Amino acid sequence: MAIADPDSLPEPSQLSDMAILGIVAAYAGAFVVFGLAIDGPEAVMRGLIEIVSTRDALLTDYFGAGGRGAACVNAGMLTLAACLVYYRCAAKLSGASVACLFLVLGFGLFGKNIFNIWFIVLGVFLYCRFAGESFAAHINTAFFGTALAPIFSEIAFSTALPFEIGLPLGAATSTAIGFVLVPAAAQLFKAHMGFSLYNMGFTAGIIGVLVVALYKSYGFVPDPVMIWTSGNNLLFGGFLLALFLSMALCGYIIDRNIVARMRQIMRKSGQAPSDFVSQVGFGPVLVNMSLTGTIGICYVLLVGGDLNGPVIGAIFTIVGFAAYGKHPRNILPIMVGVFLGSLAKPWGAADPSGLLAALFGTTLAPIAGRFGWHWGIVAGFLHSSAARSVGTVHAGLNLYNNGFAAGIVAAVLAAVILGIEGRQNRQAPKSDD
């Protein structure tokens, strides 16, 4: 079979926003059905109550907090609710939107639930009203910004505060956070120049530091949380591989020029903004999501890690951002770099922090895509240390801890690389022509 030249391909066929939203909603629905199938409605309902009322600081694996079925149903319902908001706002379904919705799906397994995200979304909505701007234009910021949803849960369900005080205080704090997210995210993007795809992780980290510092000054100190489950690899490995296979088949049905389109994607650096949906169409993006998700599963199993709420959330973050910057060629050097970093440190690649650093650390994929695989390995190596150190400053209340760490790595490393490249270009011999 002849492979079409990527440069001679016709313009990609674009699906409607409704079609893309429907496909995303179908995968969210699959989580609901799977959750009900493995645990049953009664156990799922009890588990959802536990999930909604738990503290959500890192790391709170909903598989352990409320049960595997309840965690899947929470993730699916939360994403379906987000899809409904996108539909009602008539928001454009770009690559960033696809990344955002799959991020909601992944983090619905740890940290975000059907109760704790909405005050941040409300805050962004109120900012849009105040600024006279369309909420649809900032809806991605609203749902990406739910990285700080644990702040609401931590305050509302804290043992240090009565519930009748904690609930309104948590709601007010979260709404205020949402109100400042839009201008803060726009400003902080300049620091890393798009070389970290999780700009909101960097933004949420900065805001989280300020919020935690404020509450600590009044004597309110969040307690660390560590809920991490194991023994789920066979069940969830099969479920995820089935989902990723369906993505590949669906992508092929939408666009038969998959191989050539994937070559187009692989040529891209991934530096944000990098909307693969508008550039190559949603069919090839689905295949890219399938490939990157499978790579994530393979990494976890090869290093002997656990497929649980946080890890599956990290894999779906890779899957989502396969629509907005990530592909196999630029994520693998980062993962290799984090793995090498684990060999040189007293913790292993299968430890929770090492495993999540390798998966979430692929936010630095644009460094490998723009500057080469060797710089990608360097970025991953540095990130393996940074991700373990920054969590204390926001007390685990920023779910995108790796995004915060990666923003710092990208801001420093990209500036150094650009400086080296600029010096080499200035010193290069000039042509006589």
Foldseek 3Di string as FASTA:
>chain_A
DDADALVPDDAADADAQVVVLVVLLVVLVVLLVVLCVVPNDVLLVQLLVQVVQDQFFPFDFSCQRRNSSNLSNFLSVQLNVLSVVCVVLVAGCFLLNLLLSLLSSLCSRGRDGPPQLVLLLLLLVVLCVVVVHRSSVCSSLSSLLSLLSSQLSCQCNPPVDPNVVSNVVSSVVSSPSSNCRPVQLVVLCVLLQQLFVSSSLQSNLVVLLVVQVVVVVVVDHGDADDDDDADCCVVVVVVLLVVLVVLLVQLCVSPVSQVSLVVVLLLALLRPQDASCNRHNVSNLSNQLSVQLVVLSVVCVVQVAGPTSNSSSLSSSQSSCSRGRDGPQQLVLLLLLLQVLQVVDPHHCRPPLNSSLSRLVSSSSSCCSPVHSVVSSVLNNQLNVQLVPSCVSSVSSRNSSSSSSSSVSSSPSVVVVVVVVVVVVVPDDDDPD
